[in-house]
Amino acid sequence: MSNNANVTASALRDAAVIADEMTNMGSQVLGSYSNGRKIVLIIDKPPVFVSGVMRRRSPNGIGTDRVMAAPYKGSQIEWIERDGPSDAQLPEVAHG
């Protein structure tokens, strides 16, 4: 096996372990990818002890989406924080 294959296999094992840890802490893993340097796990919400920094900001029509990122055990975790009204505060649209 080549060195690159070993790194990839190791990174995939690490990602699986981290995904299990995130699930056990109450976060749902939505996806993952490699950015060329490390594995990035996309989660629905961060664990309580994790604080992130803003990686990207974009308008969403009623507020702002902020992609937050934080290092975690040699990988990176990312999640979206939304500004603006919650779903409960949005007016309902009448159909018909």
Protein backbone atom coordinates (compact mmCIF):
# COMPACT_ATOMS: atom_id res chain seq x y z
CA MET A 1 0.00 0.00 0.00
CA SER A 2 1.34 3.44 -0.85
CA ASN A 3 1.92 6.13 1.74
CA ASN A 4 -1.02 8.20 0.36
CA ALA A 5 -3.35 5.21 0.74
CA ASN A 6 -2.21 4.78 4.35
CA VAL A 7 -2.88 8.44 5.10
CA THR A 8 -6.32 8.21 3.50
CA ALA A 9 -7.24 5.04 5.37
CA SER A 10 -6.02 6.56 8.63
CA ALA A 11 -7.97 9.78 8.00
CA LEU A 12 -11.14 7.82 7.25
CA ARG A 13 -10.76 5.80 10.46
CA ASP A 14 -10.21 9.01 12.44
CA ALA A 15 -13.27 10.61 10.81
CA ALA A 16 -15.43 7.62 11.76
CA VAL A 17 -14.25 7.78 15.38
CA ILE A 18 -14.87 11.54 15.55
CA ALA A 19 -18.31 11.12 13.94
CA ASP A 20 -19.20 8.58 16.65
CA GLU A 21 -17.98 11.00 19.34
CA MET A 22 -20.07 13.83 17.86
CA THR A 23 -23.15 11.59 17.80
CA ASN A 24 -22.57 10.58 21.43
CA MET A 25 -22.36 14.28 22.37
CA GLY A 26 -25.70 15.07 20.70
CA SER A 27 -24.50 16.47 17.38
CA GLN A 28 -25.67 14.95 14.12
CA VAL A 29 -23.03 14.54 11.42
CA LEU A 30 -24.50 15.79 8.14
CA GLY A 31 -21.50 15.16 5.90
CA SER A 32 -17.74 15.05 5.58
CA TYR A 33 -15.02 15.85 3.09
CA SER A 34 -11.28 16.28 2.89
CA ASN A 35 -9.91 19.76 2.25
CA GLY A 36 -6.53 18.34 1.24
CA ARG A 37 -4.99 18.74 4.68
CA LYS A 38 -7.55 17.28 7.06
CA ILE A 39 -10.99 15.77 7.32
CA VAL A 40 -13.88 18.24 7.72
CA LEU A 41 -17.07 17.06 9.42
CA ILE A 42 -20.25 19.09 8.91
CA ILE A 43 -22.52 18.90 11.95
CA ASP A 44 -25.92 20.33 12.86
CA LYS A 45 -24.78 21.97 16.13
CA PRO A 46 -21.52 22.07 18.06
CA PRO A 47 -20.96 20.29 21.37
CA VAL A 48 -21.35 22.60 24.38
CA PHE A 49 -17.60 22.92 25.01
CA VAL A 50 -16.71 23.88 21.40
CA SER A 51 -16.50 27.51 20.30
CA GLY A 52 -15.78 28.28 16.68
CA VAL A 53 -14.75 31.15 14.48
CA MET A 54 -16.65 32.46 11.49
CA ARG A 55 -15.36 30.90 8.28
CA ARG A 56 -17.87 32.38 5.84
CA ARG A 57 -20.92 34.65 5.96
CA SER A 58 -23.72 34.94 3.42
CA PRO A 59 -27.22 36.47 3.30
CA ASN A 60 -30.11 34.01 3.26
CA GLY A 61 -33.00 36.33 2.33
CA ILE A 62 -34.26 36.94 5.87
CA GLY A 63 -31.00 37.18 7.77
CA THR A 64 -27.47 35.88 7.61
CA ASP A 65 -25.96 32.39 7.56
CA ARG A 66 -22.57 32.09 9.24
CA VAL A 67 -20.49 28.96 8.67
CA MET A 68 -18.58 28.39 11.89
CA ALA A 69 -15.49 26.19 12.17
CA ALA A 70 -13.42 24.74 14.99
CA PRO A 71 -10.52 22.29 15.21
CA TYR A 72 -11.31 18.98 16.87
CA LYS A 73 -8.78 16.16 17.38
CA GLY A 74 -6.82 16.80 14.20
CA SER A 75 -9.91 17.41 12.08
CA GLN A 76 -12.19 20.38 11.57
CA ILE A 77 -15.87 20.58 12.46
CA GLU A 78 -18.22 23.05 10.78
CA TRP A 79 -21.82 24.10 11.41
CA ILE A 80 -24.19 26.89 10.34
CA GLU A 81 -25.51 29.59 12.65
CA ARG A 82 -28.44 31.63 11.33
CA ASP A 83 -29.42 35.19 12.20
CA GLY A 84 -32.92 36.45 11.58
CA PRO A 85 -36.38 35.34 12.61
CA SER A 86 -36.93 31.75 13.63
CA ASP A 87 -39.35 29.57 11.68
CA ALA A 88 -41.99 30.20 14.37
CA GLN A 89 -41.72 33.97 13.81
CA LEU A 90 -42.17 33.85 10.04
CA PRO A 91 -45.65 34.70 8.73
CA GLU A 92 -47.60 31.80 7.29
CA VAL A 93 -48.44 31.99 3.59
CA ALA A 94 -52.07 31.29 2.64
CA HIS A 95 -52.54 28.90 -0.25
CA GLY A 96 -55.80 28.79 -2.19
